Amino acid sequence: MLTGKQKRLLRSIAMTQKALINFGKNGLSDTFVRGVADALEAREMVKISLLPSAEETAKEVGAYLEDAIPGLEVAQTIGHSLVVYKEASNEDNRKLSKQVAALAKD
């Protein structure tokens, strides 16, 4: 479970980034979940943008991803976008999680 400080850090980093994944009319498919999981393994944090053609809301997509990907947490849902975070299992990809873990000790 992310603390408020950890979520604030992730939101501040995500604010300066463009959405990495666009979610649209194809819906909540296994391909979408696999793409998010792969991106999270490489980057630990992913910003997802919902296109106008999407039938689901950002909160629904976030809840679905939390159920589908163990360890995933939604850091922010705002408008038609959401930010998700999951610590990478590969030690080489854990750059962001070190910053997040440091805030847990505060």
C-alpha atoms as a PDB file:
ATOM      1  CA  MET A   1       0.000   0.000   0.000  1.00  0.00           C
ATOM      2  CA  LEU A   2       1.413   3.335  -1.044  1.00  0.00           C
ATOM      3  CA  THR A   3       1.542   6.143   1.496  1.00  0.00           C
ATOM      4  CA  GLY A   4       0.496   9.696   0.713  1.00  0.00           C
ATOM      5  CA  LYS A   5       4.113  10.797   0.310  1.00  0.00           C
ATOM      6  CA  GLN A   6       4.821   7.965  -2.095  1.00  0.00           C
ATOM      7  CA  LYS A   7       1.746   8.760  -4.193  1.00  0.00           C
ATOM      8  CA  ARG A   8       2.732  12.429  -4.249  1.00  0.00           C
ATOM      9  CA  LEU A   9       6.182  11.504  -5.601  1.00  0.00           C
ATOM     10  CA  LEU A  10       4.685   9.305  -8.319  1.00  0.00           C
ATOM     11  CA  ARG A  11       2.149  11.975  -9.298  1.00  0.00           C
ATOM     12  CA  SER A  12       4.859  14.634  -9.561  1.00  0.00           C
ATOM     13  CA  ILE A  13       6.951  12.416 -11.827  1.00  0.00           C
ATOM     14  CA  ALA A  14       3.952  11.408 -13.944  1.00  0.00           C
ATOM     15  CA  MET A  15       2.865  15.020 -14.384  1.00  0.00           C
ATOM     16  CA  THR A  16       5.822  15.722 -16.659  1.00  0.00           C
ATOM     17  CA  GLN A  17       5.399  12.565 -18.745  1.00  0.00           C
ATOM     18  CA  LYS A  18       3.171  11.803 -21.689  1.00  0.00           C
ATOM     19  CA  ALA A  19       0.859   8.819 -21.526  1.00  0.00           C
ATOM     20  CA  LEU A  20       2.696   5.636 -22.429  1.00  0.00           C
ATOM     21  CA  ILE A  21      -0.420   3.556 -23.111  1.00  0.00           C
ATOM     22  CA  ASN A  22      -3.662   4.616 -24.772  1.00  0.00           C
ATOM     23  CA  PHE A  23      -6.815   2.738 -23.809  1.00  0.00           C
ATOM     24  CA  GLY A  24      -9.650   2.765 -26.328  1.00  0.00           C
ATOM     25  CA  LYS A  25     -12.399   0.813 -27.983  1.00  0.00           C
ATOM     26  CA  ASN A  26     -10.680  -2.591 -27.680  1.00  0.00           C
ATOM     27  CA  GLY A  27     -11.598  -2.624 -23.996  1.00  0.00           C
ATOM     28  CA  LEU A  28     -10.152  -4.547 -21.093  1.00  0.00           C
ATOM     29  CA  SER A  29      -8.483  -7.430 -22.885  1.00  0.00           C
ATOM     30  CA  ASP A  30      -5.688  -9.807 -21.977  1.00  0.00           C
ATOM     31  CA  THR A  31      -3.503  -8.020 -24.528  1.00  0.00           C
ATOM     32  CA  PHE A  32      -4.034  -4.695 -22.765  1.00  0.00           C
ATOM     33  CA  VAL A  33      -3.226  -6.206 -19.355  1.00  0.00           C
ATOM     34  CA  ARG A  34      -0.111  -7.926 -20.731  1.00  0.00           C
ATOM     35  CA  GLY A  35       1.051  -4.636 -22.288  1.00  0.00           C
ATOM     36  CA  VAL A  36       0.620  -2.779 -19.010  1.00  0.00           C
ATOM     37  CA  ALA A  37       2.420  -5.547 -17.093  1.00  0.00           C
ATOM     38  CA  ASP A  38       5.350  -5.499 -19.545  1.00  0.00           C
ATOM     39  CA  ALA A  39       5.601  -1.712 -19.370  1.00  0.00           C
ATOM     40  CA  LEU A  40       5.510  -1.808 -15.572  1.00  0.00           C
ATOM     41  CA  GLU A  41       8.312  -4.357 -15.489  1.00  0.00           C
ATOM     42  CA  ALA A  42      10.492  -2.055 -17.568  1.00  0.00           C
ATOM     43  CA  ARG A  43       9.518   1.303 -16.021  1.00  0.00           C
ATOM     44  CA  GLU A  44       7.697   0.617 -12.716  1.00  0.00           C
ATOM     45  CA  MET A  45       5.275   3.480 -13.367  1.00  0.00           C
ATOM     46  CA  VAL A  46       2.956   3.866 -16.343  1.00  0.00           C
ATOM     47  CA  LYS A  47       0.636   6.681 -17.299  1.00  0.00           C
ATOM     48  CA  ILE A  48      -2.471   5.468 -19.154  1.00  0.00           C
ATOM     49  CA  SER A  49      -4.714   7.742 -21.185  1.00  0.00           C
ATOM     50  CA  LEU A  50      -8.320   6.811 -21.918  1.00  0.00           C
ATOM     51  CA  LEU A  51      -9.426   7.749 -25.414  1.00  0.00           C
ATOM     52  CA  PRO A  52     -12.931   9.181 -25.996  1.00  0.00           C
ATOM     53  CA  SER A  53     -13.955   5.861 -27.584  1.00  0.00           C
ATOM     54  CA  ALA A  54     -13.337   3.979 -24.306  1.00  0.00           C
ATOM     55  CA  GLU A  55     -16.495   2.677 -22.670  1.00  0.00           C
ATOM     56  CA  GLU A  56     -14.904   2.309 -19.206  1.00  0.00           C
ATOM     57  CA  THR A  57     -13.931   5.070 -16.798  1.00  0.00           C
ATOM     58  CA  ALA A  58     -10.423   5.576 -15.426  1.00  0.00           C
ATOM     59  CA  LYS A  59     -11.498   4.205 -12.028  1.00  0.00           C
ATOM     60  CA  GLU A  60     -12.938   1.059 -13.630  1.00  0.00           C
ATOM     61  CA  VAL A  61      -9.734   0.477 -15.608  1.00  0.00           C
ATOM     62  CA  GLY A  62      -7.644   1.015 -12.463  1.00  0.00           C
ATOM     63  CA  ALA A  63      -9.747  -1.437 -10.448  1.00  0.00           C
ATOM     64  CA  TYR A  64      -9.541  -4.031 -13.226  1.00  0.00           C
ATOM     65  CA  LEU A  65      -5.762  -3.702 -13.455  1.00  0.00           C
ATOM     66  CA  GLU A  66      -5.391  -4.017  -9.664  1.00  0.00           C
ATOM     67  CA  ASP A  67      -7.290  -7.312  -9.824  1.00  0.00           C
ATOM     68  CA  ALA A  68      -5.471  -8.584 -12.921  1.00  0.00           C
ATOM     69  CA  ILE A  69      -1.875  -7.697 -11.973  1.00  0.00           C
ATOM     70  CA  PRO A  70      -0.723  -8.697  -8.467  1.00  0.00           C
ATOM     71  CA  GLY A  71       1.132  -5.896  -6.676  1.00  0.00           C
ATOM     72  CA  LEU A  72      -0.122  -3.120  -8.958  1.00  0.00           C
ATOM     73  CA  GLU A  73      -1.331   0.045  -7.251  1.00  0.00           C
ATOM     74  CA  VAL A  74      -3.129   3.029  -8.703  1.00  0.00           C
ATOM     75  CA  ALA A  75      -1.279   6.189  -7.729  1.00  0.00           C
ATOM     76  CA  GLN A  76      -3.699   8.619  -9.369  1.00  0.00           C
ATOM     77  CA  THR A  77      -6.888   8.791 -11.406  1.00  0.00           C
ATOM     78  CA  ILE A  78      -7.728  12.164 -12.816  1.00  0.00           C
ATOM     79  CA  GLY A  79     -10.064  12.864 -15.692  1.00  0.00           C
ATOM     80  CA  HIS A  80      -9.328  10.474 -18.539  1.00  0.00           C
ATOM     81  CA  SER A  81      -5.946   9.310 -17.287  1.00  0.00           C
ATOM     82  CA  LEU A  82      -4.498   7.180 -14.543  1.00  0.00           C
ATOM     83  CA  VAL A  83      -1.070   6.445 -13.145  1.00  0.00           C
ATOM     84  CA  VAL A  84      -0.222   2.919 -12.020  1.00  0.00           C
ATOM     85  CA  TYR A  85       2.837   1.653 -10.142  1.00  0.00           C
ATOM     86  CA  LYS A  86       4.349  -1.759  -9.469  1.00  0.00           C
ATOM     87  CA  GLU A  87       7.831  -2.582  -8.253  1.00  0.00           C
ATOM     88  CA  ALA A  88       9.820  -4.385 -10.947  1.00  0.00           C
ATOM     89  CA  SER A  89      10.836  -7.960 -10.268  1.00  0.00           C
ATOM     90  CA  ASN A  90      14.120  -7.439 -12.146  1.00  0.00           C
ATOM     91  CA  GLU A  91      16.680  -5.742  -9.871  1.00  0.00           C
ATOM     92  CA  ASP A  92      18.153  -3.755 -12.801  1.00  0.00           C
ATOM     93  CA  ASN A  93      14.808  -2.027 -13.449  1.00  0.00           C
ATOM     94  CA  ARG A  94      14.288  -0.845  -9.852  1.00  0.00           C
ATOM     95  CA  LYS A  95      15.269   2.793 -10.126  1.00  0.00           C
ATOM     96  CA  LEU A  96      11.969   4.379  -9.169  1.00  0.00           C
ATOM     97  CA  SER A  97      11.143   1.882  -6.429  1.00  0.00           C
ATOM     98  CA  LYS A  98      14.271   2.887  -4.517  1.00  0.00           C
ATOM     99  CA  GLN A  99      12.959   6.468  -4.313  1.00  0.00           C
ATOM    100  CA  VAL A 100       9.502   5.210  -3.308  1.00  0.00           C
ATOM    101  CA  ALA A 101      10.936   2.915  -0.626  1.00  0.00           C
ATOM    102  CA  ALA A 102      13.011   5.760   0.814  1.00  0.00           C
ATOM    103  CA  LEU A 103       9.808   7.736   1.458  1.00  0.00           C
ATOM    104  CA  ALA A 104       8.283   4.836   3.402  1.00  0.00           C
ATOM    105  CA  LYS A 105      10.984   5.239   6.051  1.00  0.00           C
ATOM    106  CA  ASP A 106      10.146   8.906   6.668  1.00  0.00           C
END
